[in-house]
């Protein structure tokens, strides 16, 4: 199984995901920003890709990948990227800004 198309799709989604997650982190705290990054931001990334890069779906259809397969692979990749990113970000805030509470 070739993972390159899934990774390419996730790289195309990531600017939409990161943008929504950063806005969500500023609106809430760091913990809820992480939850938004791993769950809701993916839906907005999927919507952003659908609106702005809709014609690129033909590339994935030609490879035999449906939107559902792409979405599920992106969800798994988002968790694999999100957990280490969250721990690094949490460590950064703890070391540079002192005690950190998520409430």
PDB file of N, CA and C in Angstrom:
ATOM      1  N   UNK A   1       0.842  -1.181   0.000  1.00  0.00           N
ATOM      2  CA  UNK A   1       0.000   0.000   0.000  1.00  0.00           C
ATOM      3  C   UNK A   1       0.885   1.242   0.000  1.00  0.00           C
ATOM      4  N   UNK A   2       0.653   2.101  -0.935  1.00  0.00           N
ATOM      5  CA  UNK A   2       1.426   3.323  -1.062  1.00  0.00           C
ATOM      6  C   UNK A   2       0.817   4.408  -0.168  1.00  0.00           C
ATOM      7  N   UNK A   3       1.607   4.942   0.746  1.00  0.00           N
ATOM      8  CA  UNK A   3       1.114   5.952   1.686  1.00  0.00           C
ATOM      9  C   UNK A   3       1.336   7.378   1.201  1.00  0.00           C
ATOM     10  N   UNK A   4       2.053   7.539   0.119  1.00  0.00           N
ATOM     11  CA  UNK A   4       2.375   8.879  -0.363  1.00  0.00           C
ATOM     12  C   UNK A   4       1.136   9.721  -0.697  1.00  0.00           C
ATOM     13  N   UNK A   5       0.092   9.175  -1.348  1.00  0.00           N
ATOM     14  CA  UNK A   5      -1.085  10.023  -1.617  1.00  0.00           C
ATOM     15  C   UNK A   5      -1.792  10.480  -0.343  1.00  0.00           C
ATOM     16  N   UNK A   6      -1.818   9.614   0.670  1.00  0.00           N
ATOM     17  CA  UNK A   6      -2.439  10.012   1.936  1.00  0.00           C
ATOM     18  C   UNK A   6      -1.649  11.146   2.587  1.00  0.00           C
ATOM     19  N   UNK A   7      -0.333  11.031   2.557  1.00  0.00           N
ATOM     20  CA  UNK A   7       0.516  12.064   3.142  1.00  0.00           C
ATOM     21  C   UNK A   7       0.369  13.378   2.368  1.00  0.00           C
ATOM     22  N   UNK A   8       0.298  13.296   1.050  1.00  0.00           N
ATOM     23  CA  UNK A   8       0.121  14.499   0.236  1.00  0.00           C
ATOM     24  C   UNK A   8      -1.217  15.170   0.541  1.00  0.00           C
ATOM     25  N   UNK A   9      -2.247  14.378   0.690  1.00  0.00           N
ATOM     26  CA  UNK A   9      -3.562  14.932   1.019  1.00  0.00           C
ATOM     27  C   UNK A   9      -3.523  15.615   2.386  1.00  0.00           C
ATOM     28  N   UNK A  10      -2.856  14.981   3.344  1.00  0.00           N
ATOM     29  CA  UNK A  10      -2.770  15.588   4.673  1.00  0.00           C
ATOM     30  C   UNK A  10      -1.967  16.888   4.621  1.00  0.00           C
ATOM     31  N   UNK A  11      -0.906  16.935   3.834  1.00  0.00           N
ATOM     32  CA  UNK A  11      -0.132  18.171   3.705  1.00  0.00           C
ATOM     33  C   UNK A  11      -0.963  19.275   3.067  1.00  0.00           C
ATOM     34  N   UNK A  12      -1.866  18.915   2.167  1.00  0.00           N
ATOM     35  CA  UNK A  12      -2.754  19.917   1.579  1.00  0.00           C
ATOM     36  C   UNK A  12      -3.821  20.383   2.569  1.00  0.00           C
ATOM     37  N   UNK A  13      -4.227  19.511   3.474  1.00  0.00           N
ATOM     38  CA  UNK A  13      -5.221  19.876   4.486  1.00  0.00           C
ATOM     39  C   UNK A  13      -4.622  20.678   5.637  1.00  0.00           C
ATOM     40  N   UNK A  14      -3.348  20.468   5.917  1.00  0.00           N
ATOM     41  CA  UNK A  14      -2.754  20.989   7.145  1.00  0.00           C
ATOM     42  C   UNK A  14      -2.854  22.505   7.311  1.00  0.00           C
ATOM     43  N   UNK A  15      -2.675  23.332   6.278  1.00  0.00           N
ATOM     44  CA  UNK A  15      -2.835  24.780   6.516  1.00  0.00           C
ATOM     45  C   UNK A  15      -4.231  25.154   7.020  1.00  0.00           C
ATOM     46  N   UNK A  16      -5.255  24.488   6.512  1.00  0.00           N
ATOM     47  CA  UNK A  16      -6.611  24.755   6.989  1.00  0.00           C
ATOM     48  C   UNK A  16      -6.780  24.270   8.429  1.00  0.00           C
ATOM     49  N   UNK A  17      -6.229  23.101   8.720  1.00  0.00           N
ATOM     50  CA  UNK A  17      -6.326  22.532  10.067  1.00  0.00           C
ATOM     51  C   UNK A  17      -5.589  23.412  11.068  1.00  0.00           C
ATOM     52  N   UNK A  18      -4.359  23.781  10.737  1.00  0.00           N
ATOM     53  CA  UNK A  18      -3.549  24.580  11.659  1.00  0.00           C
ATOM     54  C   UNK A  18      -4.163  25.963  11.876  1.00  0.00           C
ATOM     55  N   UNK A  19      -4.670  26.563  10.822  1.00  0.00           N
ATOM     56  CA  UNK A  19      -5.289  27.880  10.966  1.00  0.00           C
ATOM     57  C   UNK A  19      -6.474  27.861  11.909  1.00  0.00           C
ATOM     58  N   UNK A  20      -7.339  26.882  11.744  1.00  0.00           N
ATOM     59  CA  UNK A  20      -8.498  26.796  12.626  1.00  0.00           C
ATOM     60  C   UNK A  20      -8.083  26.439  14.047  1.00  0.00           C
ATOM     61  N   UNK A  21      -7.080  25.588  14.203  1.00  0.00           N
ATOM     62  CA  UNK A  21      -6.631  25.200  15.542  1.00  0.00           C
ATOM     63  C   UNK A  21      -5.977  26.373  16.272  1.00  0.00           C
ATOM     64  N   UNK A  22      -5.236  27.200  15.555  1.00  0.00           N
ATOM     65  CA  UNK A  22      -4.607  28.366  16.197  1.00  0.00           C
ATOM     66  C   UNK A  22      -5.669  29.354  16.654  1.00  0.00           C
ATOM     67  N   UNK A  23      -6.650  29.599  15.822  1.00  0.00           N
ATOM     68  CA  UNK A  23      -7.747  30.486  16.224  1.00  0.00           C
ATOM     69  C   UNK A  23      -8.488  29.894  17.419  1.00  0.00           C
ATOM     70  N   UNK A  24      -8.716  28.586  17.403  1.00  0.00           N
ATOM     71  CA  UNK A  24      -9.379  27.927  18.527  1.00  0.00           C
ATOM     72  C   UNK A  24      -8.553  27.971  19.797  1.00  0.00           C
ATOM     73  N   UNK A  25      -7.226  27.904  19.675  1.00  0.00           N
ATOM     74  CA  UNK A  25      -6.360  27.978  20.852  1.00  0.00           C
ATOM     75  C   UNK A  25      -6.379  29.371  21.466  1.00  0.00           C
ATOM     76  N   UNK A  26      -6.448  30.397  20.621  1.00  0.00           N
ATOM     77  CA  UNK A  26      -6.527  31.751  21.161  1.00  0.00           C
ATOM     78  C   UNK A  26      -7.883  32.011  21.809  1.00  0.00           C
ATOM     79  N   UNK A  27      -8.921  31.406  21.277  1.00  0.00           N
ATOM     80  CA  UNK A  27     -10.257  31.612  21.830  1.00  0.00           C
ATOM     81  C   UNK A  27     -10.450  30.830  23.126  1.00  0.00           C
ATOM     82  N   UNK A  28      -9.750  29.707  23.270  1.00  0.00           N
ATOM     83  CA  UNK A  28      -9.855  28.888  24.482  1.00  0.00           C
ATOM     84  C   UNK A  28      -8.466  28.796  25.099  1.00  0.00           C
ATOM     85  N   UNK A  29      -8.189  27.731  25.826  1.00  0.00           N
ATOM     86  CA  UNK A  29      -6.849  27.544  26.367  1.00  0.00           C
ATOM     87  C   UNK A  29      -6.113  26.473  25.563  1.00  0.00           C
ATOM     88  N   UNK A  30      -4.919  26.110  26.003  1.00  0.00           N
ATOM     89  CA  UNK A  30      -4.073  25.205  25.230  1.00  0.00           C
ATOM     90  C   UNK A  30      -4.657  23.798  25.141  1.00  0.00           C
ATOM     91  N   UNK A  31      -5.252  23.313  26.222  1.00  0.00           N
ATOM     92  CA  UNK A  31      -5.821  21.968  26.202  1.00  0.00           C
ATOM     93  C   UNK A  31      -6.963  21.867  25.199  1.00  0.00           C
ATOM     94  N   UNK A  32      -7.888  22.821  25.248  1.00  0.00           N
ATOM     95  CA  UNK A  32      -9.021  22.778  24.321  1.00  0.00           C
ATOM     96  C   UNK A  32      -8.573  23.081  22.903  1.00  0.00           C
ATOM     97  N   UNK A  33      -7.497  23.839  22.756  1.00  0.00           N
ATOM     98  CA  UNK A  33      -6.924  24.046  21.429  1.00  0.00           C
ATOM     99  C   UNK A  33      -6.420  22.747  20.832  1.00  0.00           C
ATOM    100  N   UNK A  34      -5.835  21.885  21.674  1.00  0.00           N
ATOM    101  CA  UNK A  34      -5.390  20.570  21.210  1.00  0.00           C
ATOM    102  C   UNK A  34      -6.576  19.698  20.819  1.00  0.00           C
ATOM    103  N   UNK A  35      -7.626  19.734  21.618  1.00  0.00           N
ATOM    104  CA  UNK A  35      -8.828  18.954  21.296  1.00  0.00           C
ATOM    105  C   UNK A  35      -9.429  19.441  19.983  1.00  0.00           C
ATOM    106  N   UNK A  36      -9.456  20.751  19.794  1.00  0.00           N
ATOM    107  CA  UNK A  36      -9.961  21.310  18.535  1.00  0.00           C
ATOM    108  C   UNK A  36      -9.078  20.878  17.373  1.00  0.00           C
ATOM    109  N   UNK A  37      -7.750  20.877  17.580  1.00  0.00           N
ATOM    110  CA  UNK A  37      -6.818  20.470  16.524  1.00  0.00           C
ATOM    111  C   UNK A  37      -7.057  19.028  16.100  1.00  0.00           C
ATOM    112  N   UNK A  38      -7.303  18.158  17.051  1.00  0.00           N
ATOM    113  CA  UNK A  38      -7.442  16.731  16.737  1.00  0.00           C
ATOM    114  C   UNK A  38      -8.831  16.346  16.239  1.00  0.00           C
ATOM    115  N   UNK A  39      -9.830  17.178  16.461  1.00  0.00           N
ATOM    116  CA  UNK A  39     -11.185  16.779  16.078  1.00  0.00           C
ATOM    117  C   UNK A  39     -11.819  17.765  15.101  1.00  0.00           C
ATOM    118  N   UNK A  40     -12.251  18.901  15.593  1.00  0.00           N
ATOM    119  CA  UNK A  40     -13.034  19.832  14.779  1.00  0.00           C
ATOM    120  C   UNK A  40     -12.240  20.462  13.644  1.00  0.00           C
ATOM    121  N   UNK A  41     -10.966  20.729  13.870  1.00  0.00           N
ATOM    122  CA  UNK A  41     -10.167  21.389  12.835  1.00  0.00           C
ATOM    123  C   UNK A  41     -10.042  20.518  11.599  1.00  0.00           C
ATOM    124  N   UNK A  42     -10.065  19.215  11.774  1.00  0.00           N
ATOM    125  CA  UNK A  42      -9.986  18.317  10.625  1.00  0.00           C
ATOM    126  C   UNK A  42     -11.211  18.471   9.730  1.00  0.00           C
ATOM    127  N   UNK A  43     -12.372  18.660  10.327  1.00  0.00           N
ATOM    128  CA  UNK A  43     -13.577  18.873   9.526  1.00  0.00           C
ATOM    129  C   UNK A  43     -13.489  20.177   8.736  1.00  0.00           C
ATOM    130  N   UNK A  44     -12.949  21.222   9.368  1.00  0.00           N
ATOM    131  CA  UNK A  44     -12.797  22.483   8.657  1.00  0.00           C
ATOM    132  C   UNK A  44     -11.701  22.396   7.595  1.00  0.00           C
ATOM    133  N   UNK A  45     -10.678  21.597   7.843  1.00  0.00           N
ATOM    134  CA  UNK A  45      -9.668  21.357   6.818  1.00  0.00           C
ATOM    135  C   UNK A  45     -10.253  20.631   5.626  1.00  0.00           C
ATOM    136  N   UNK A  46     -11.090  19.649   5.906  1.00  0.00           N
ATOM    137  CA  UNK A  46     -11.763  18.904   4.844  1.00  0.00           C
ATOM    138  C   UNK A  46     -12.675  19.832   4.044  1.00  0.00           C
ATOM    139  N   UNK A  47     -13.384  20.708   4.731  1.00  0.00           N
ATOM    140  CA  UNK A  47     -14.259  21.672   4.063  1.00  0.00           C
ATOM    141  C   UNK A  47     -13.446  22.665   3.230  1.00  0.00           C
ATOM    142  N   UNK A  48     -12.334  23.146   3.782  1.00  0.00           N
ATOM    143  CA  UNK A  48     -11.480  24.078   3.042  1.00  0.00           C
ATOM    144  C   UNK A  48     -10.898  23.449   1.790  1.00  0.00           C
ATOM    145  N   UNK A  49     -10.486  22.195   1.885  1.00  0.00           N
ATOM    146  CA  UNK A  49      -9.967  21.501   0.709  1.00  0.00           C
ATOM    147  C   UNK A  49     -11.071  21.324  -0.323  1.00  0.00           C
ATOM    148  N   UNK A  50     -12.259  21.008   0.141  1.00  0.00           N
ATOM    149  CA  UNK A  50     -13.386  20.809  -0.768  1.00  0.00           C
ATOM    150  C   UNK A  50     -13.744  22.105  -1.500  1.00  0.00           C
ATOM    151  N   UNK A  51     -13.628  23.230  -0.824  1.00  0.00           N
ATOM    152  CA  UNK A  51     -13.987  24.505  -1.438  1.00  0.00           C
ATOM    153  C   UNK A  51     -12.882  25.017  -2.361  1.00  0.00           C
ATOM    154  N   UNK A  52     -11.625  24.977  -1.897  1.00  0.00           N
ATOM    155  CA  UNK A  52     -10.548  25.622  -2.637  1.00  0.00           C
ATOM    156  C   UNK A  52      -9.771  24.703  -3.576  1.00  0.00           C
ATOM    157  N   UNK A  53      -9.765  23.411  -3.323  1.00  0.00           N
ATOM    158  CA  UNK A  53      -8.964  22.493  -4.135  1.00  0.00           C
ATOM    159  C   UNK A  53      -9.790  21.304  -4.608  1.00  0.00           C
ATOM    160  N   UNK A  54     -11.008  21.548  -4.954  1.00  0.00           N
ATOM    161  CA  UNK A  54     -11.942  20.476  -5.289  1.00  0.00           C
ATOM    162  C   UNK A  54     -11.481  19.647  -6.486  1.00  0.00           C
ATOM    163  N   UNK A  55     -10.831  20.269  -7.449  1.00  0.00           N
ATOM    164  CA  UNK A  55     -10.416  19.547  -8.653  1.00  0.00           C
ATOM    165  C   UNK A  55      -9.305  18.538  -8.381  1.00  0.00           C
ATOM    166  N   UNK A  56      -8.608  18.675  -7.262  1.00  0.00           N
ATOM    167  CA  UNK A  56      -7.547  17.723  -6.940  1.00  0.00           C
ATOM    168  C   UNK A  56      -8.092  16.361  -6.519  1.00  0.00           C
ATOM    169  N   UNK A  57      -9.379  16.294  -6.243  1.00  0.00           N
ATOM    170  CA  UNK A  57      -9.962  14.991  -5.905  1.00  0.00           C
ATOM    171  C   UNK A  57      -9.852  14.014  -7.070  1.00  0.00           C
ATOM    172  N   UNK A  58      -9.822  14.499  -8.304  1.00  0.00           N
ATOM    173  CA  UNK A  58      -9.689  13.604  -9.455  1.00  0.00           C
ATOM    174  C   UNK A  58      -8.381  12.823  -9.395  1.00  0.00           C
ATOM    175  N   UNK A  59      -7.340  13.471  -8.902  1.00  0.00           N
ATOM    176  CA  UNK A  59      -6.057  12.792  -8.729  1.00  0.00           C
ATOM    177  C   UNK A  59      -6.205  11.598  -7.787  1.00  0.00           C
ATOM    178  N   UNK A  60      -6.909  11.800  -6.692  1.00  0.00           N
ATOM    179  CA  UNK A  60      -7.077  10.726  -5.711  1.00  0.00           C
ATOM    180  C   UNK A  60      -8.060   9.667  -6.206  1.00  0.00           C
ATOM    181  N   UNK A  61      -9.085  10.085  -6.935  1.00  0.00           N
ATOM    182  CA  UNK A  61     -10.019   9.112  -7.512  1.00  0.00           C
ATOM    183  C   UNK A  61      -9.318   8.209  -8.518  1.00  0.00           C
ATOM    184  N   UNK A  62      -8.390   8.776  -9.291  1.00  0.00           N
ATOM    185  CA  UNK A  62      -7.646   7.970 -10.260  1.00  0.00           C
ATOM    186  C   UNK A  62      -6.746   6.946  -9.576  1.00  0.00           C
ATOM    187  N   UNK A  63      -6.364   7.220  -8.349  1.00  0.00           N
ATOM    188  CA  UNK A  63      -5.572   6.256  -7.580  1.00  0.00           C
ATOM    189  C   UNK A  63      -6.451   5.256  -6.834  1.00  0.00           C
ATOM    190  N   UNK A  64      -7.760   5.416  -6.939  1.00  0.00           N
ATOM    191  CA  UNK A  64      -8.686   4.501  -6.283  1.00  0.00           C
ATOM    192  C   UNK A  64      -8.994   4.869  -4.847  1.00  0.00           C
ATOM    193  N   UNK A  65      -8.757   6.120  -4.472  1.00  0.00           N
ATOM    194  CA  UNK A  65      -9.001   6.565  -3.103  1.00  0.00           C
ATOM    195  C   UNK A  65     -10.268   7.405  -3.049  1.00  0.00           C
ATOM    196  N   UNK A  66     -11.173   7.026  -2.172  1.00  0.00           N
ATOM    197  CA  UNK A  66     -12.406   7.782  -1.998  1.00  0.00           C
ATOM    198  C   UNK A  66     -12.194   8.876  -0.958  1.00  0.00           C
ATOM    199  N   UNK A  67     -13.156   9.772  -0.862  1.00  0.00           N
ATOM    200  CA  UNK A  67     -13.076  10.831   0.147  1.00  0.00           C
ATOM    201  C   UNK A  67     -13.065  10.241   1.548  1.00  0.00           C
ATOM    202  N   UNK A  68     -13.812   9.174   1.756  1.00  0.00           N
ATOM    203  CA  UNK A  68     -13.882   8.557   3.076  1.00  0.00           C
ATOM    204  C   UNK A  68     -12.528   7.976   3.482  1.00  0.00           C
ATOM    205  N   UNK A  69     -11.846   7.299   2.561  1.00  0.00           N
ATOM    206  CA  UNK A  69     -10.517   6.754   2.857  1.00  0.00           C
ATOM    207  C   UNK A  69      -9.527   7.874   3.161  1.00  0.00           C
ATOM    208  N   UNK A  70      -9.605   8.949   2.388  1.00  0.00           N
ATOM    209  CA  UNK A  70      -8.715  10.083   2.616  1.00  0.00           C
ATOM    210  C   UNK A  70      -8.992  10.731   3.967  1.00  0.00           C
ATOM    211  N   UNK A  71     -10.263  10.852   4.309  1.00  0.00           N
ATOM    212  CA  UNK A  71     -10.617  11.475   5.575  1.00  0.00           C
ATOM    213  C   UNK A  71     -10.149  10.627   6.759  1.00  0.00           C
ATOM    214  N   UNK A  72     -10.350   9.325   6.688  1.00  0.00           N
ATOM    215  CA  UNK A  72      -9.936   8.456   7.796  1.00  0.00           C
ATOM    216  C   UNK A  72      -8.415   8.428   7.939  1.00  0.00           C
ATOM    217  N   UNK A  73      -7.701   8.387   6.830  1.00  0.00           N
ATOM    218  CA  UNK A  73      -6.238   8.422   6.897  1.00  0.00           C
ATOM    219  C   UNK A  73      -5.763   9.761   7.456  1.00  0.00           C
ATOM    220  N   UNK A  74      -6.436  10.837   7.096  1.00  0.00           N
ATOM    221  CA  UNK A  74      -6.071  12.154   7.618  1.00  0.00           C
ATOM    222  C   UNK A  74      -6.349  12.249   9.115  1.00  0.00           C
ATOM    223  N   UNK A  75      -7.411  11.617   9.567  1.00  0.00           N
ATOM    224  CA  UNK A  75      -7.714  11.619  10.997  1.00  0.00           C
ATOM    225  C   UNK A  75      -6.611  10.912  11.782  1.00  0.00           C
ATOM    226  N   UNK A  76      -6.162   9.767  11.291  1.00  0.00           N
ATOM    227  CA  UNK A  76      -5.090   9.028  11.962  1.00  0.00           C
ATOM    228  C   UNK A  76      -3.787   9.826  11.917  1.00  0.00           C
ATOM    229  N   UNK A  77      -3.462  10.387  10.762  1.00  0.00           N
ATOM    230  CA  UNK A  77      -2.250  11.202  10.658  1.00  0.00           C
ATOM    231  C   UNK A  77      -2.326  12.428  11.559  1.00  0.00           C
ATOM    232  N   UNK A  78      -3.503  13.012  11.679  1.00  0.00           N
ATOM    233  CA  UNK A  78      -3.671  14.177  12.537  1.00  0.00           C
ATOM    234  C   UNK A  78      -3.407  13.818  13.999  1.00  0.00           C
ATOM    235  N   UNK A  79      -3.844  12.652  14.423  1.00  0.00           N
ATOM    236  CA  UNK A  79      -3.544  12.216  15.788  1.00  0.00           C
ATOM    237  C   UNK A  79      -2.059  11.930  15.960  1.00  0.00           C
ATOM    238  N   UNK A  80      -1.443  11.300  14.959  1.00  0.00           N
ATOM    239  CA  UNK A  80      -0.015  10.997  15.049  1.00  0.00           C
ATOM    240  C   UNK A  80       0.838  12.260  15.046  1.00  0.00           C
ATOM    241  N   UNK A  81       0.391  13.295  14.382  1.00  0.00           N
ATOM    242  CA  UNK A  81       1.110  14.569  14.380  1.00  0.00           C
ATOM    243  C   UNK A  81       0.737  15.386  15.615  1.00  0.00           C
ATOM    244  N   UNK A  82      -0.518  15.330  16.021  1.00  0.00           N
ATOM    245  CA  UNK A  82      -1.016  16.186  17.090  1.00  0.00           C
ATOM    246  C   UNK A  82      -0.482  15.867  18.468  1.00  0.00           C
ATOM    247  N   UNK A  83      -0.344  14.607  18.807  1.00  0.00           N
ATOM    248  CA  UNK A  83       0.097  14.241  20.158  1.00  0.00           C
ATOM    249  C   UNK A  83       1.538  14.695  20.419  1.00  0.00           C
ATOM    250  N   UNK A  84       2.510  14.405  19.545  1.00  0.00           N
ATOM    251  CA  UNK A  84       3.859  14.935  19.804  1.00  0.00           C
ATOM    252  C   UNK A  84       3.920  16.463  19.751  1.00  0.00           C
ATOM    253  N   UNK A  85       3.160  17.059  18.850  1.00  0.00           N
ATOM    254  CA  UNK A  85       3.140  18.513  18.754  1.00  0.00           C
ATOM    255  C   UNK A  85       2.594  19.135  20.039  1.00  0.00           C
ATOM    256  N   UNK A  86       1.572  18.527  20.600  1.00  0.00           N
ATOM    257  CA  UNK A  86       0.992  19.025  21.842  1.00  0.00           C
ATOM    258  C   UNK A  86       1.976  18.899  23.002  1.00  0.00           C
ATOM    259  N   UNK A  87       2.680  17.783  23.094  1.00  0.00           N
ATOM    260  CA  UNK A  87       3.630  17.622  24.195  1.00  0.00           C
ATOM    261  C   UNK A  87       4.791  18.606  24.065  1.00  0.00           C
ATOM    262  N   UNK A  88       5.252  18.859  22.856  1.00  0.00           N
ATOM    263  CA  UNK A  88       6.320  19.845  22.660  1.00  0.00           C
ATOM    264  C   UNK A  88       5.824  21.238  23.024  1.00  0.00           C
ATOM    265  N   UNK A  89       4.627  21.581  22.587  1.00  0.00           N
ATOM    266  CA  UNK A  89       4.063  22.895  22.887  1.00  0.00           C
ATOM    267  C   UNK A  89       3.811  23.065  24.377  1.00  0.00           C
ATOM    268  N   UNK A  90       3.323  22.029  25.031  1.00  0.00           N
ATOM    269  CA  UNK A  90       3.082  22.084  26.469  1.00  0.00           C
ATOM    270  C   UNK A  90       4.393  22.235  27.232  1.00  0.00           C
ATOM    271  N   UNK A  91       5.423  21.522  26.808  1.00  0.00           N
ATOM    272  CA  UNK A  91       6.737  21.646  27.435  1.00  0.00           C
ATOM    273  C   UNK A  91       7.300  23.048  27.237  1.00  0.00           C
ATOM    274  N   UNK A  92       7.144  23.598  26.048  1.00  0.00           N
ATOM    275  CA  UNK A  92       7.595  24.959  25.763  1.00  0.00           C
ATOM    276  C   UNK A  92       6.932  25.961  26.703  1.00  0.00           C
ATOM    277  N   UNK A  93       5.617  25.887  26.845  1.00  0.00           N
ATOM    278  CA  UNK A  93       4.914  26.805  27.733  1.00  0.00           C
ATOM    279  C   UNK A  93       5.315  26.601  29.186  1.00  0.00           C
ATOM    280  N   UNK A  94       5.535  25.363  29.593  1.00  0.00           N
ATOM    281  CA  UNK A  94       5.898  25.095  30.980  1.00  0.00           C
ATOM    282  C   UNK A  94       7.271  25.673  31.311  1.00  0.00           C
ATOM    283  N   UNK A  95       8.238  25.504  30.410  1.00  0.00           N
ATOM    284  CA  UNK A  95       9.584  25.992  30.680  1.00  0.00           C
ATOM    285  C   UNK A  95       9.698  27.507  30.583  1.00  0.00           C
ATOM    286  N   UNK A  96       9.015  28.120  29.644  1.00  0.00           N
ATOM    287  CA  UNK A  96       9.191  29.549  29.424  1.00  0.00           C
ATOM    288  C   UNK A  96       8.189  30.428  30.166  1.00  0.00           C
ATOM    289  N   UNK A  97       7.027  29.902  30.495  1.00  0.00           N
ATOM    290  CA  UNK A  97       6.020  30.718  31.151  1.00  0.00           C
ATOM    291  C   UNK A  97       5.687  30.244  32.556  1.00  0.00           C
ATOM    292  N   UNK A  98       6.429  29.294  33.084  1.00  0.00           N
ATOM    293  CA  UNK A  98       6.209  28.840  34.446  1.00  0.00           C
ATOM    294  C   UNK A  98       5.079  27.842  34.548  1.00  0.00           C
ATOM    295  N   UNK A  99       4.461  27.807  35.730  1.00  0.00           N
ATOM    296  CA  UNK A  99       3.388  26.850  35.981  1.00  0.00           C
ATOM    297  C   UNK A  99       2.253  27.007  34.989  1.00  0.00           C
ATOM    298  N   UNK A 100       1.749  25.905  34.547  1.00  0.00           N
ATOM    299  CA  UNK A 100       0.704  25.916  33.527  1.00  0.00           C
ATOM    300  C   UNK A 100      -0.481  25.115  34.023  1.00  0.00           C
ATOM    301  N   UNK A 101      -1.646  25.711  33.970  1.00  0.00           N
ATOM    302  CA  UNK A 101      -2.870  24.988  34.292  1.00  0.00           C
ATOM    303  C   UNK A 101      -3.767  25.016  33.069  1.00  0.00           C
ATOM    304  N   UNK A 102      -4.504  23.963  32.888  1.00  0.00           N
ATOM    305  CA  UNK A 102      -5.369  23.884  31.707  1.00  0.00           C
ATOM    306  C   UNK A 102      -6.816  24.203  32.047  1.00  0.00           C
ATOM    307  N   UNK A 103      -7.046  24.898  33.146  1.00  0.00           N
ATOM    308  CA  UNK A 103      -8.421  25.263  33.500  1.00  0.00           C
ATOM    309  C   UNK A 103      -8.603  26.749  33.453  1.00  0.00           C
TER     310      UNK A 103
END
